[in-house]
Amino acid sequence: RDRPPRLALSGSAGVGKTTLGRALAKQYGVPYIPEGMRSRLEAGLSLHDLTHPQLAALIQELWAEQCAAEDAAIASHGGFIADRSAVDYAAFWLHYRFTDDQHTTEAFFASTLSRISTYDRIVLLPWGVLPLVADGIRSSNPWLQRHFQVLVEGLLHREVEAERLLVMPDVVALEHRLRLISEALTAGE
């Protein structure tokens, strides 16, 4: 491969996506694409104040922003490190139960799953290895986070071919995670 990597990190809150993503972006000299929801929550958005249709519209908006950011990073740098994968957005759709309108759900899944091929690797980070920190931004309910993790893991294993999915073992050290990803990228060239 004669270009920078296009990586997406996947998993529930608290698995270390942000720390790893920033380190990978620095290592490979590509843009880091942060999770859009986090910045909204930090700015004061309360998900509890949204109606179900408003939350669905927000997830669609975040997905559109993710696609635009990935496309811009490819155009400007040839690659990126994304704090979420396309499959995470499909998992959000199921997690929040937006499935009543089957046509909209089918269209959303088609949109998200069609982007999988743009990633060199989707890195699934393990749940429960790092302590879930109550930071006032994300839910610190471990069962809620585990529910999302199970959804995203199931979708990743079902929708992503094995050579594109890197399942991170239960390692905590950032250096070890970086080395495993570098080795996977080198092996895939």
C-alpha atoms as a PDB file:
ATOM      1  CA  ARG A   1       0.000   0.000   0.000  1.00  0.00           C
ATOM      2  CA  ASP A   2       1.502   3.310  -1.050  1.00  0.00           C
ATOM      3  CA  ARG A   3      -0.705   5.546   1.042  1.00  0.00           C
ATOM      4  CA  PRO A   4      -1.461   6.261   4.699  1.00  0.00           C
ATOM      5  CA  PRO A   5      -3.844   3.942   6.527  1.00  0.00           C
ATOM      6  CA  ARG A   6      -7.601   4.363   6.751  1.00  0.00           C
ATOM      7  CA  LEU A   7      -8.523   3.006  10.148  1.00  0.00           C
ATOM      8  CA  ALA A   8     -11.685   3.084  12.213  1.00  0.00           C
ATOM      9  CA  LEU A   9     -11.844   2.215  15.878  1.00  0.00           C
ATOM     10  CA  SER A  10     -14.875   0.445  17.221  1.00  0.00           C
ATOM     11  CA  GLY A  11     -16.390  -0.377  20.587  1.00  0.00           C
ATOM     12  CA  SER A  12     -18.391   1.058  23.439  1.00  0.00           C
ATOM     13  CA  ALA A  13     -17.511   4.099  25.502  1.00  0.00           C
ATOM     14  CA  GLY A  14     -14.512   3.610  27.733  1.00  0.00           C
ATOM     15  CA  VAL A  15     -12.563   1.068  25.655  1.00  0.00           C
ATOM     16  CA  GLY A  16      -9.794   3.541  24.773  1.00  0.00           C
ATOM     17  CA  LYS A  17     -10.734   4.613  21.248  1.00  0.00           C
ATOM     18  CA  THR A  18      -9.890   8.288  21.704  1.00  0.00           C
ATOM     19  CA  THR A  19      -6.469   7.765  23.292  1.00  0.00           C
ATOM     20  CA  LEU A  20      -5.525   5.141  20.716  1.00  0.00           C
ATOM     21  CA  GLY A  21      -6.955   7.146  17.823  1.00  0.00           C
ATOM     22  CA  ARG A  22      -4.984  10.273  18.653  1.00  0.00           C
ATOM     23  CA  ALA A  23      -1.766   8.276  19.031  1.00  0.00           C
ATOM     24  CA  LEU A  24      -2.332   6.479  15.713  1.00  0.00           C
ATOM     25  CA  ALA A  25      -3.078   9.735  13.882  1.00  0.00           C
ATOM     26  CA  LYS A  26       0.155  11.220  15.194  1.00  0.00           C
ATOM     27  CA  GLN A  27       2.122   8.073  14.333  1.00  0.00           C
ATOM     28  CA  TYR A  28       0.846   7.944  10.743  1.00  0.00           C
ATOM     29  CA  GLY A  29       0.542  11.703  10.105  1.00  0.00           C
ATOM     30  CA  VAL A  30      -3.134  11.574   9.188  1.00  0.00           C
ATOM     31  CA  PRO A  31      -6.189  13.403  10.506  1.00  0.00           C
ATOM     32  CA  TYR A  32      -7.898  12.094  13.602  1.00  0.00           C
ATOM     33  CA  ILE A  33     -11.685  12.110  13.197  1.00  0.00           C
ATOM     34  CA  PRO A  34     -13.220  12.494  16.646  1.00  0.00           C
ATOM     35  CA  GLU A  35     -16.569  11.094  17.681  1.00  0.00           C
ATOM     36  CA  GLY A  36     -19.184  13.741  16.864  1.00  0.00           C
ATOM     37  CA  MET A  37     -21.507  12.816  19.707  1.00  0.00           C
ATOM     38  CA  ARG A  38     -18.888  13.482  22.361  1.00  0.00           C
ATOM     39  CA  SER A  39     -18.345  17.095  21.293  1.00  0.00           C
ATOM     40  CA  ARG A  40     -22.104  17.701  21.390  1.00  0.00           C
ATOM     41  CA  LEU A  41     -22.389  16.187  24.857  1.00  0.00           C
ATOM     42  CA  GLU A  42     -19.432  18.252  26.070  1.00  0.00           C
ATOM     43  CA  ALA A  43     -21.180  21.356  24.696  1.00  0.00           C
ATOM     44  CA  GLY A  44     -24.227  20.587  26.840  1.00  0.00           C
ATOM     45  CA  LEU A  45     -26.506  18.417  24.709  1.00  0.00           C
ATOM     46  CA  SER A  46     -28.706  16.197  26.848  1.00  0.00           C
ATOM     47  CA  LEU A  47     -29.856  13.097  25.019  1.00  0.00           C
ATOM     48  CA  HIS A  48     -32.693  12.792  27.531  1.00  0.00           C
ATOM     49  CA  ASP A  49     -34.164  16.060  26.216  1.00  0.00           C
ATOM     50  CA  LEU A  50     -34.497  14.674  22.685  1.00  0.00           C
ATOM     51  CA  THR A  51     -37.536  12.889  21.366  1.00  0.00           C
ATOM     52  CA  HIS A  52     -37.014   9.524  19.720  1.00  0.00           C
ATOM     53  CA  PRO A  53     -37.302  11.048  16.195  1.00  0.00           C
ATOM     54  CA  GLN A  54     -34.893  13.851  17.169  1.00  0.00           C
ATOM     55  CA  LEU A  55     -32.350  11.315  18.399  1.00  0.00           C
ATOM     56  CA  ALA A  56     -32.716   9.334  15.153  1.00  0.00           C
ATOM     57  CA  ALA A  57     -32.135  12.527  13.167  1.00  0.00           C
ATOM     58  CA  LEU A  58     -29.054  13.262  15.295  1.00  0.00           C
ATOM     59  CA  ILE A  59     -27.577   9.823  14.574  1.00  0.00           C
ATOM     60  CA  GLN A  60     -28.175  10.386  10.844  1.00  0.00           C
ATOM     61  CA  GLU A  61     -26.555  13.824  11.088  1.00  0.00           C
ATOM     62  CA  LEU A  62     -23.543  12.405  12.919  1.00  0.00           C
ATOM     63  CA  TRP A  63     -23.198   9.689  10.283  1.00  0.00           C
ATOM     64  CA  ALA A  64     -23.279  12.264   7.463  1.00  0.00           C
ATOM     65  CA  GLU A  65     -20.600  14.293   9.282  1.00  0.00           C
ATOM     66  CA  GLN A  66     -18.452  11.160   9.718  1.00  0.00           C
ATOM     67  CA  CYS A  67     -18.659  10.380   5.988  1.00  0.00           C
ATOM     68  CA  ALA A  68     -17.782  13.962   5.054  1.00  0.00           C
ATOM     69  CA  ALA A  69     -14.820  13.993   7.476  1.00  0.00           C
ATOM     70  CA  GLU A  70     -13.491  10.668   6.160  1.00  0.00           C
ATOM     71  CA  ASP A  71     -13.819  11.846   2.541  1.00  0.00           C
ATOM     72  CA  ALA A  72     -12.080  15.147   3.342  1.00  0.00           C
ATOM     73  CA  ALA A  73      -9.234  13.337   5.121  1.00  0.00           C
ATOM     74  CA  ILE A  74      -8.742  10.996   2.164  1.00  0.00           C
ATOM     75  CA  ALA A  75      -8.694  13.951  -0.222  1.00  0.00           C
ATOM     76  CA  SER A  76      -6.230  15.950   1.876  1.00  0.00           C
ATOM     77  CA  HIS A  77      -3.997  13.260   3.426  1.00  0.00           C
ATOM     78  CA  GLY A  78      -4.862   9.933   1.793  1.00  0.00           C
ATOM     79  CA  GLY A  79      -5.960   8.395   5.093  1.00  0.00           C
ATOM     80  CA  PHE A  80      -7.425   8.924   8.545  1.00  0.00           C
ATOM     81  CA  ILE A  81      -8.001   7.473  11.966  1.00  0.00           C
ATOM     82  CA  ALA A  82     -11.690   7.569  12.945  1.00  0.00           C
ATOM     83  CA  ASP A  83     -12.947   7.319  16.520  1.00  0.00           C
ATOM     84  CA  ARG A  84     -15.973   5.362  15.232  1.00  0.00           C
ATOM     85  CA  SER A  85     -16.553   2.961  12.364  1.00  0.00           C
ATOM     86  CA  ALA A  86     -19.490   2.780   9.990  1.00  0.00           C
ATOM     87  CA  VAL A  87     -20.588  -0.353  11.832  1.00  0.00           C
ATOM     88  CA  ASP A  88     -20.782   1.583  15.109  1.00  0.00           C
ATOM     89  CA  TYR A  89     -23.439   3.802  13.520  1.00  0.00           C
ATOM     90  CA  ALA A  90     -25.442   0.747  12.449  1.00  0.00           C
ATOM     91  CA  ALA A  91     -25.136  -0.525  16.019  1.00  0.00           C
ATOM     92  CA  PHE A  92     -26.359   2.844  17.359  1.00  0.00           C
ATOM     93  CA  TRP A  93     -29.405   2.493  15.111  1.00  0.00           C
ATOM     94  CA  LEU A  94     -30.221  -0.856  16.700  1.00  0.00           C
ATOM     95  CA  HIS A  95     -29.198   0.228  20.214  1.00  0.00           C
ATOM     96  CA  TYR A  96     -31.646   3.135  20.220  1.00  0.00           C
ATOM     97  CA  ARG A  97     -34.354   1.010  18.533  1.00  0.00           C
ATOM     98  CA  PHE A  98     -34.981   3.123  15.440  1.00  0.00           C
ATOM     99  CA  THR A  99     -36.173   0.045  13.588  1.00  0.00           C
ATOM    100  CA  ASP A 100     -39.940   0.713  13.392  1.00  0.00           C
ATOM    101  CA  ASP A 101     -39.615   2.302   9.957  1.00  0.00           C
ATOM    102  CA  GLN A 102     -38.165  -0.599   8.014  1.00  0.00           C
ATOM    103  CA  HIS A 103     -37.509   1.424   4.850  1.00  0.00           C
ATOM    104  CA  THR A 104     -35.481   4.055   6.739  1.00  0.00           C
ATOM    105  CA  THR A 105     -33.620   1.340   8.638  1.00  0.00           C
ATOM    106  CA  GLU A 106     -32.798  -0.500   5.416  1.00  0.00           C
ATOM    107  CA  ALA A 107     -31.514   2.715   3.831  1.00  0.00           C
ATOM    108  CA  PHE A 108     -29.429   3.618   6.890  1.00  0.00           C
ATOM    109  CA  PHE A 109     -27.881   0.142   7.038  1.00  0.00           C
ATOM    110  CA  ALA A 110     -27.143   0.228   3.305  1.00  0.00           C
ATOM    111  CA  SER A 111     -25.390   3.562   3.767  1.00  0.00           C
ATOM    112  CA  THR A 112     -23.300   2.472   6.734  1.00  0.00           C
ATOM    113  CA  LEU A 113     -22.390  -0.994   5.530  1.00  0.00           C
ATOM    114  CA  SER A 114     -21.410   0.254   2.066  1.00  0.00           C
ATOM    115  CA  ARG A 115     -18.582   2.277   3.686  1.00  0.00           C
ATOM    116  CA  ILE A 116     -16.866  -0.753   5.233  1.00  0.00           C
ATOM    117  CA  SER A 117     -14.755  -1.256   2.116  1.00  0.00           C
ATOM    118  CA  THR A 118     -13.164   2.194   2.561  1.00  0.00           C
ATOM    119  CA  TYR A 119     -11.387   1.044   5.726  1.00  0.00           C
ATOM    120  CA  ASP A 120      -8.089  -0.800   5.635  1.00  0.00           C
ATOM    121  CA  ARG A 121      -8.947  -2.119   9.079  1.00  0.00           C
ATOM    122  CA  ILE A 122     -11.654  -1.726  11.662  1.00  0.00           C
ATOM    123  CA  VAL A 123     -10.108  -2.218  15.084  1.00  0.00           C
ATOM    124  CA  LEU A 124     -12.498  -3.670  17.647  1.00  0.00           C
ATOM    125  CA  LEU A 125     -11.348  -2.733  21.123  1.00  0.00           C
ATOM    126  CA  PRO A 126     -12.200  -5.071  24.010  1.00  0.00           C
ATOM    127  CA  TRP A 127     -14.846  -4.210  26.573  1.00  0.00           C
ATOM    128  CA  GLY A 128     -14.069  -4.361  30.283  1.00  0.00           C
ATOM    129  CA  VAL A 129     -10.273  -4.177  30.037  1.00  0.00           C
ATOM    130  CA  LEU A 130     -10.066  -0.504  30.978  1.00  0.00           C
ATOM    131  CA  PRO A 131     -12.084   0.880  33.890  1.00  0.00           C
ATOM    132  CA  LEU A 132     -15.229   2.737  32.831  1.00  0.00           C
ATOM    133  CA  VAL A 133     -14.685   6.263  34.109  1.00  0.00           C
ATOM    134  CA  ALA A 134     -17.618   8.437  35.176  1.00  0.00           C
ATOM    135  CA  ASP A 135     -16.615  11.572  33.269  1.00  0.00           C
ATOM    136  CA  GLY A 136     -20.030  13.229  33.212  1.00  0.00           C
ATOM    137  CA  ILE A 137     -20.169  12.906  29.423  1.00  0.00           C
ATOM    138  CA  ARG A 138     -20.884   9.284  28.642  1.00  0.00           C
ATOM    139  CA  SER A 139     -22.971   6.836  30.593  1.00  0.00           C
ATOM    140  CA  SER A 140     -20.974   5.047  33.249  1.00  0.00           C
ATOM    141  CA  ASN A 141     -23.593   2.282  33.422  1.00  0.00           C
ATOM    142  CA  PRO A 142     -21.512  -0.787  32.564  1.00  0.00           C
ATOM    143  CA  TRP A 143     -24.555  -2.762  31.416  1.00  0.00           C
ATOM    144  CA  LEU A 144     -25.593  -0.086  28.949  1.00  0.00           C
ATOM    145  CA  GLN A 145     -22.052   0.033  27.572  1.00  0.00           C
ATOM    146  CA  ARG A 146     -21.847  -3.766  27.457  1.00  0.00           C
ATOM    147  CA  HIS A 147     -25.138  -3.891  25.543  1.00  0.00           C
ATOM    148  CA  PHE A 148     -23.727  -1.582  22.885  1.00  0.00           C
ATOM    149  CA  GLN A 149     -20.457  -3.554  22.784  1.00  0.00           C
ATOM    150  CA  VAL A 150     -22.317  -6.814  22.156  1.00  0.00           C
ATOM    151  CA  LEU A 151     -24.313  -5.213  19.331  1.00  0.00           C
ATOM    152  CA  VAL A 152     -21.260  -3.751  17.617  1.00  0.00           C
ATOM    153  CA  GLU A 153     -19.229  -6.944  18.046  1.00  0.00           C
ATOM    154  CA  GLY A 154     -22.017  -9.014  16.503  1.00  0.00           C
ATOM    155  CA  LEU A 155     -22.391  -6.670  13.549  1.00  0.00           C
ATOM    156  CA  LEU A 156     -18.641  -6.476  12.971  1.00  0.00           C
ATOM    157  CA  HIS A 157     -18.268 -10.259  12.923  1.00  0.00           C
ATOM    158  CA  ARG A 158     -21.273 -10.599  10.621  1.00  0.00           C
ATOM    159  CA  GLU A 159     -20.617  -7.731   8.203  1.00  0.00           C
ATOM    160  CA  VAL A 160     -16.826  -7.281   8.020  1.00  0.00           C
ATOM    161  CA  GLU A 161     -14.569  -9.811   6.306  1.00  0.00           C
ATOM    162  CA  ALA A 162     -11.997 -11.311   8.634  1.00  0.00           C
ATOM    163  CA  GLU A 163      -8.957  -9.741   6.936  1.00  0.00           C
ATOM    164  CA  ARG A 164     -10.417  -6.234   7.421  1.00  0.00           C
ATOM    165  CA  LEU A 165     -11.321  -6.725  11.116  1.00  0.00           C
ATOM    166  CA  LEU A 166      -8.659  -6.550  13.814  1.00  0.00           C
ATOM    167  CA  VAL A 167      -9.940  -7.774  17.163  1.00  0.00           C
ATOM    168  CA  MET A 168      -7.667  -6.266  19.784  1.00  0.00           C
ATOM    169  CA  PRO A 169      -6.764  -8.725  22.536  1.00  0.00           C
ATOM    170  CA  ASP A 170      -7.229  -7.763  26.161  1.00  0.00           C
ATOM    171  CA  VAL A 171      -4.187  -5.500  26.357  1.00  0.00           C
ATOM    172  CA  VAL A 172      -4.125  -2.176  28.162  1.00  0.00           C
ATOM    173  CA  ALA A 173      -0.762  -0.621  27.312  1.00  0.00           C
ATOM    174  CA  LEU A 174      -1.022   1.944  24.528  1.00  0.00           C
ATOM    175  CA  GLU A 175       2.378   0.939  23.122  1.00  0.00           C
ATOM    176  CA  HIS A 176       1.245  -2.689  22.863  1.00  0.00           C
ATOM    177  CA  ARG A 177      -1.976  -1.670  21.069  1.00  0.00           C
ATOM    178  CA  LEU A 178      -0.014   0.534  18.655  1.00  0.00           C
ATOM    179  CA  ARG A 179       2.426  -2.285  17.900  1.00  0.00           C
ATOM    180  CA  LEU A 180      -0.371  -4.795  17.204  1.00  0.00           C
ATOM    181  CA  ILE A 181      -2.052  -2.405  14.775  1.00  0.00           C
ATOM    182  CA  SER A 182       1.220  -1.593  13.024  1.00  0.00           C
ATOM    183  CA  GLU A 183       1.961  -5.319  12.637  1.00  0.00           C
ATOM    184  CA  ALA A 184      -1.542  -5.949  11.240  1.00  0.00           C
ATOM    185  CA  LEU A 185      -1.172  -3.143   8.710  1.00  0.00           C
ATOM    186  CA  THR A 186       2.257  -4.369   7.638  1.00  0.00           C
ATOM    187  CA  ALA A 187       0.976  -7.941   7.265  1.00  0.00           C
ATOM    188  CA  GLY A 188      -1.913  -6.702   5.136  1.00  0.00           C
ATOM    189  CA  GLU A 189       0.250  -4.854   2.583  1.00  0.00           C
END
